[in-house]
Amino acid sequence: MRDLIKFFIGFVAGFIAVYRLLSKKEEETDKSQPQLEAFSGDGRIIDVLKKFNEIKKNI
């Protein structure tokens, strides 16, 4: 009976250790990836696309 209790305690301790290790790795990968931001509507990209279309038509 004592062996069974020791096994369960060891299993739970090992599970917690692995869970913490994996959760730390997920946090590190989340921080290392760049976050996508919403497009800022300053209108510059539209002007560039219009000029590109004009150049394309001229060719």
PDB file of N, CA and C in Angstrom:
ATOM      1  N   MET A   1       0.814  -1.190   0.000  1.00  0.00           N
ATOM      2  CA  MET A   1       0.000   0.000   0.000  1.00  0.00           C
ATOM      3  C   MET A   1       0.864   1.263   0.000  1.00  0.00           C
ATOM      4  N   ARG A   2       1.950   1.231   0.786  1.00  0.00           N
ATOM      5  CA  ARG A   2       2.860   2.375   0.835  1.00  0.00           C
ATOM      6  C   ARG A   2       3.527   2.598  -0.519  1.00  0.00           C
ATOM      7  N   ASP A   3       3.848   1.478  -1.188  1.00  0.00           N
ATOM      8  CA  ASP A   3       4.470   1.602  -2.506  1.00  0.00           C
ATOM      9  C   ASP A   3       3.522   2.264  -3.497  1.00  0.00           C
ATOM     10  N   LEU A   4       2.256   1.940  -3.408  1.00  0.00           N
ATOM     11  CA  LEU A   4       1.270   2.539  -4.295  1.00  0.00           C
ATOM     12  C   LEU A   4       1.134   4.041  -4.035  1.00  0.00           C
ATOM     13  N   ILE A   5       1.134   4.432  -2.780  1.00  0.00           N
ATOM     14  CA  ILE A   5       1.043   5.848  -2.419  1.00  0.00           C
ATOM     15  C   ILE A   5       2.297   6.583  -2.896  1.00  0.00           C
ATOM     16  N   LYS A   6       3.456   5.992  -2.717  1.00  0.00           N
ATOM     17  CA  LYS A   6       4.705   6.600  -3.192  1.00  0.00           C
ATOM     18  C   LYS A   6       4.694   6.746  -4.710  1.00  0.00           C
ATOM     19  N   PHE A   7       4.158   5.742  -5.392  1.00  0.00           N
ATOM     20  CA  PHE A   7       4.078   5.809  -6.849  1.00  0.00           C
ATOM     21  C   PHE A   7       3.190   6.973  -7.288  1.00  0.00           C
ATOM     22  N   PHE A   8       2.014   7.111  -6.666  1.00  0.00           N
ATOM     23  CA  PHE A   8       1.106   8.197  -7.031  1.00  0.00           C
ATOM     24  C   PHE A   8       1.710   9.568  -6.729  1.00  0.00           C
ATOM     25  N   ILE A   9       2.396   9.691  -5.605  1.00  0.00           N
ATOM     26  CA  ILE A   9       3.032  10.963  -5.264  1.00  0.00           C
ATOM     27  C   ILE A   9       4.130  11.288  -6.277  1.00  0.00           C
ATOM     28  N   GLY A  10       4.919  10.293  -6.631  1.00  0.00           N
ATOM     29  CA  GLY A  10       5.969  10.500  -7.627  1.00  0.00           C
ATOM     30  C   GLY A  10       5.403  10.834  -8.992  1.00  0.00           C
ATOM     31  N   PHE A  11       4.325  10.169  -9.352  1.00  0.00           N
ATOM     32  CA  PHE A  11       3.686  10.430 -10.644  1.00  0.00           C
ATOM     33  C   PHE A  11       3.153  11.856 -10.708  1.00  0.00           C
ATOM     34  N   VAL A  12       2.478  12.293  -9.646  1.00  0.00           N
ATOM     35  CA  VAL A  12       1.925  13.649  -9.616  1.00  0.00           C
ATOM     36  C   VAL A  12       3.056  14.678  -9.639  1.00  0.00           C
ATOM     37  N   ALA A  13       4.128  14.437  -8.887  1.00  0.00           N
ATOM     38  CA  ALA A  13       5.254  15.373  -8.870  1.00  0.00           C
ATOM     39  C   ALA A  13       5.908  15.459 -10.253  1.00  0.00           C
ATOM     40  N   GLY A  14       6.080  14.327 -10.902  1.00  0.00           N
ATOM     41  CA  GLY A  14       6.652  14.320 -12.245  1.00  0.00           C
ATOM     42  C   GLY A  14       5.757  15.017 -13.245  1.00  0.00           C
ATOM     43  N   PHE A  15       4.470  14.786 -13.141  1.00  0.00           N
ATOM     44  CA  PHE A  15       3.514  15.425 -14.042  1.00  0.00           C
ATOM     45  C   PHE A  15       3.548  16.944 -13.878  1.00  0.00           C
ATOM     46  N   ILE A  16       3.593  17.403 -12.641  1.00  0.00           N
ATOM     47  CA  ILE A  16       3.642  18.848 -12.384  1.00  0.00           C
ATOM     48  C   ILE A  16       4.931  19.442 -12.934  1.00  0.00           C
ATOM     49  N   ALA A  17       6.054  18.753 -12.766  1.00  0.00           N
ATOM     50  CA  ALA A  17       7.332  19.255 -13.261  1.00  0.00           C
ATOM     51  C   ALA A  17       7.320  19.368 -14.783  1.00  0.00           C
ATOM     52  N   VAL A  18       6.823  18.357 -15.464  1.00  0.00           N
ATOM     53  CA  VAL A  18       6.767  18.388 -16.929  1.00  0.00           C
ATOM     54  C   VAL A  18       5.803  19.463 -17.401  1.00  0.00           C
ATOM     55  N   TYR A  19       4.675  19.607 -16.737  1.00  0.00           N
ATOM     56  CA  TYR A  19       3.691  20.621 -17.108  1.00  0.00           C
ATOM     57  C   TYR A  19       4.281  22.022 -16.991  1.00  0.00           C
ATOM     58  N   ARG A  20       4.990  22.287 -15.908  1.00  0.00           N
ATOM     59  CA  ARG A  20       5.609  23.605 -15.724  1.00  0.00           C
ATOM     60  C   ARG A  20       6.684  23.849 -16.780  1.00  0.00           C
ATOM     61  N   LEU A  21       7.454  22.829 -17.102  1.00  0.00           N
ATOM     62  CA  LEU A  21       8.502  22.968 -18.103  1.00  0.00           C
ATOM     63  C   LEU A  21       7.897  23.288 -19.466  1.00  0.00           C
ATOM     64  N   LEU A  22       6.842  22.585 -19.834  1.00  0.00           N
ATOM     65  CA  LEU A  22       6.215  22.825 -21.129  1.00  0.00           C
ATOM     66  C   LEU A  22       5.505  24.172 -21.175  1.00  0.00           C
ATOM     67  N   SER A  23       4.915  24.592 -20.080  1.00  0.00           N
ATOM     68  CA  SER A  23       4.225  25.886 -20.082  1.00  0.00           C
ATOM     69  C   SER A  23       5.227  27.033 -20.190  1.00  0.00           C
ATOM     70  N   LYS A  24       6.423  26.880 -19.635  1.00  0.00           N
ATOM     71  CA  LYS A  24       7.454  27.912 -19.771  1.00  0.00           C
ATOM     72  C   LYS A  24       7.933  28.003 -21.214  1.00  0.00           C
ATOM     73  N   LYS A  25       8.064  26.867 -21.891  1.00  0.00           N
ATOM     74  CA  LYS A  25       8.496  26.885 -23.284  1.00  0.00           C
ATOM     75  C   LYS A  25       7.458  27.561 -24.159  1.00  0.00           C
ATOM     76  N   GLU A  26       6.166  27.352 -23.888  1.00  0.00           N
ATOM     77  CA  GLU A  26       5.110  27.996 -24.663  1.00  0.00           C
ATOM     78  C   GLU A  26       5.146  29.504 -24.464  1.00  0.00           C
ATOM     79  N   GLU A  27       5.404  29.974 -23.237  1.00  0.00           N
ATOM     80  CA  GLU A  27       5.469  31.402 -22.978  1.00  0.00           C
ATOM     81  C   GLU A  27       6.645  32.024 -23.717  1.00  0.00           C
ATOM     82  N   GLU A  28       7.796  31.340 -23.762  1.00  0.00           N
ATOM     83  CA  GLU A  28       8.971  31.856 -24.452  1.00  0.00           C
ATOM     84  C   GLU A  28       8.724  31.947 -25.947  1.00  0.00           C
ATOM     85  N   THR A  29       8.062  30.946 -26.532  1.00  0.00           N
ATOM     86  CA  THR A  29       7.804  30.997 -27.963  1.00  0.00           C
ATOM     87  C   THR A  29       6.771  32.057 -28.284  1.00  0.00           C
ATOM     88  N   ASP A  30       5.823  32.298 -27.388  1.00  0.00           N
ATOM     89  CA  ASP A  30       4.833  33.346 -27.618  1.00  0.00           C
ATOM     90  C   ASP A  30       5.490  34.718 -27.615  1.00  0.00           C
ATOM     91  N   LYS A  31       6.457  34.917 -26.742  1.00  0.00           N
ATOM     92  CA  LYS A  31       7.125  36.213 -26.659  1.00  0.00           C
ATOM     93  C   LYS A  31       8.057  36.438 -27.842  1.00  0.00           C
ATOM     94  N   SER A  32       8.650  35.370 -28.371  1.00  0.00           N
ATOM     95  CA  SER A  32       9.618  35.529 -29.448  1.00  0.00           C
ATOM     96  C   SER A  32       8.947  35.803 -30.790  1.00  0.00           C
ATOM     97  N   GLN A  33       7.688  35.419 -30.967  1.00  0.00           N
ATOM     98  CA  GLN A  33       7.003  35.648 -32.224  1.00  0.00           C
ATOM     99  C   GLN A  33       6.464  37.071 -32.265  1.00  0.00           C
ATOM    100  N   PRO A  34       6.651  37.753 -33.392  1.00  0.00           N
ATOM    101  CA  PRO A  34       6.153  39.125 -33.468  1.00  0.00           C
ATOM    102  C   PRO A  34       4.629  39.157 -33.488  1.00  0.00           C
ATOM    103  N   GLN A  35       4.081  40.128 -32.833  1.00  0.00           N
ATOM    104  CA  GLN A  35       2.632  40.271 -32.769  1.00  0.00           C
ATOM    105  C   GLN A  35       2.159  41.077 -33.968  1.00  0.00           C
ATOM    106  N   LEU A  36       1.102  40.628 -34.601  1.00  0.00           N
ATOM    107  CA  LEU A  36       0.535  41.341 -35.731  1.00  0.00           C
ATOM    108  C   LEU A  36      -0.323  42.488 -35.214  1.00  0.00           C
ATOM    109  N   GLU A  37      -0.139  43.639 -35.826  1.00  0.00           N
ATOM    110  CA  GLU A  37      -0.913  44.800 -35.433  1.00  0.00           C
ATOM    111  C   GLU A  37      -1.889  45.153 -36.542  1.00  0.00           C
ATOM    112  N   ALA A  38      -2.929  45.844 -36.180  1.00  0.00           N
ATOM    113  CA  ALA A  38      -3.924  46.252 -37.168  1.00  0.00           C
ATOM    114  C   ALA A  38      -3.310  47.256 -38.129  1.00  0.00           C
ATOM    115  N   PHE A  39      -3.805  47.256 -39.358  1.00  0.00           N
ATOM    116  CA  PHE A  39      -3.295  48.163 -40.379  1.00  0.00           C
ATOM    117  C   PHE A  39      -3.639  49.601 -40.019  1.00  0.00           C
ATOM    118  N   SER A  40      -2.631  50.441 -40.039  1.00  0.00           N
ATOM    119  CA  SER A  40      -2.885  51.849 -39.766  1.00  0.00           C
ATOM    120  C   SER A  40      -3.341  52.526 -41.050  1.00  0.00           C
ATOM    121  N   GLY A  41      -4.414  53.219 -40.990  1.00  0.00           N
ATOM    122  CA  GLY A  41      -5.014  53.807 -42.178  1.00  0.00           C
ATOM    123  C   GLY A  41      -4.468  55.183 -42.496  1.00  0.00           C
ATOM    124  N   ASP A  42      -3.158  55.290 -42.730  1.00  0.00           N
ATOM    125  CA  ASP A  42      -2.609  56.598 -43.061  1.00  0.00           C
ATOM    126  C   ASP A  42      -2.717  56.899 -44.551  1.00  0.00           C
ATOM    127  N   GLY A  43      -3.105  55.939 -45.384  1.00  0.00           N
ATOM    128  CA  GLY A  43      -3.341  56.163 -46.788  1.00  0.00           C
ATOM    129  C   GLY A  43      -2.113  56.060 -47.673  1.00  0.00           C
ATOM    130  N   ARG A  44      -0.949  55.869 -47.107  1.00  0.00           N
ATOM    131  CA  ARG A  44       0.266  55.801 -47.910  1.00  0.00           C
ATOM    132  C   ARG A  44       0.283  54.565 -48.794  1.00  0.00           C
ATOM    133  N   ILE A  45      -0.179  53.458 -48.296  1.00  0.00           N
ATOM    134  CA  ILE A  45      -0.155  52.217 -49.075  1.00  0.00           C
ATOM    135  C   ILE A  45      -1.070  52.330 -50.296  1.00  0.00           C
ATOM    136  N   ILE A  46      -2.168  53.041 -50.139  1.00  0.00           N
ATOM    137  CA  ILE A  46      -3.094  53.209 -51.266  1.00  0.00           C
ATOM    138  C   ILE A  46      -2.437  54.059 -52.357  1.00  0.00           C
ATOM    139  N   ASP A  47      -1.720  55.123 -51.952  1.00  0.00           N
ATOM    140  CA  ASP A  47      -1.013  55.960 -52.928  1.00  0.00           C
ATOM    141  C   ASP A  47       0.047  55.153 -53.670  1.00  0.00           C
ATOM    142  N   VAL A  48       0.757  54.308 -52.956  1.00  0.00           N
ATOM    143  CA  VAL A  48       1.791  53.483 -53.587  1.00  0.00           C
ATOM    144  C   VAL A  48       1.155  52.520 -54.576  1.00  0.00           C
ATOM    145  N   LEU A  49       0.039  51.919 -54.217  1.00  0.00           N
ATOM    146  CA  LEU A  49      -0.628  50.995 -55.128  1.00  0.00           C
ATOM    147  C   LEU A  49      -1.171  51.707 -56.364  1.00  0.00           C
ATOM    148  N   LYS A  50      -1.685  52.925 -56.191  1.00  0.00           N
ATOM    149  CA  LYS A  50      -2.169  53.688 -57.340  1.00  0.00           C
ATOM    150  C   LYS A  50      -1.032  53.999 -58.304  1.00  0.00           C
ATOM    151  N   LYS A  51       0.126  54.415 -57.776  1.00  0.00           N
ATOM    152  CA  LYS A  51       1.282  54.709 -58.628  1.00  0.00           C
ATOM    153  C   LYS A  51       1.760  53.437 -59.322  1.00  0.00           C
ATOM    154  N   PHE A  52       1.754  52.344 -58.618  1.00  0.00           N
ATOM    155  CA  PHE A  52       2.171  51.077 -59.209  1.00  0.00           C
ATOM    156  C   PHE A  52       1.251  50.698 -60.367  1.00  0.00           C
ATOM    157  N   ASN A  53      -0.045  50.884 -60.188  1.00  0.00           N
ATOM    158  CA  ASN A  53      -1.005  50.583 -61.270  1.00  0.00           C
ATOM    159  C   ASN A  53      -0.798  51.497 -62.464  1.00  0.00           C
ATOM    160  N   GLU A  54      -0.513  52.790 -62.218  1.00  0.00           N
ATOM    161  CA  GLU A  54      -0.251  53.715 -63.324  1.00  0.00           C
ATOM    162  C   GLU A  54       0.981  53.298 -64.116  1.00  0.00           C
ATOM    163  N   ILE A  55       2.041  52.933 -63.392  1.00  0.00           N
ATOM    164  CA  ILE A  55       3.275  52.492 -64.065  1.00  0.00           C
ATOM    165  C   ILE A  55       3.002  51.219 -64.852  1.00  0.00           C
ATOM    166  N   LYS A  56       2.230  50.328 -64.271  1.00  0.00           N
ATOM    167  CA  LYS A  56       1.908  49.057 -64.927  1.00  0.00           C
ATOM    168  C   LYS A  56       1.116  49.303 -66.215  1.00  0.00           C
ATOM    169  N   LYS A  57       0.184  50.253 -66.185  1.00  0.00           N
ATOM    170  CA  LYS A  57      -0.610  50.574 -67.373  1.00  0.00           C
ATOM    171  C   LYS A  57       0.249  51.191 -68.456  1.00  0.00           C
ATOM    172  N   ASN A  58       1.228  52.018 -68.091  1.00  0.00           N
ATOM    173  CA  ASN A  58       2.100  52.676 -69.047  1.00  0.00           C
ATOM    174  C   ASN A  58       3.011  51.687 -69.761  1.00  0.00           C
ATOM    175  N   ILE A  59       3.314  50.604 -69.115  1.00  0.00           N
ATOM    176  CA  ILE A  59       4.187  49.588 -69.733  1.00  0.00           C
ATOM    177  C   ILE A  59       3.342  48.812 -70.699  1.00  0.00           C
TER     178      ILE A  59
END
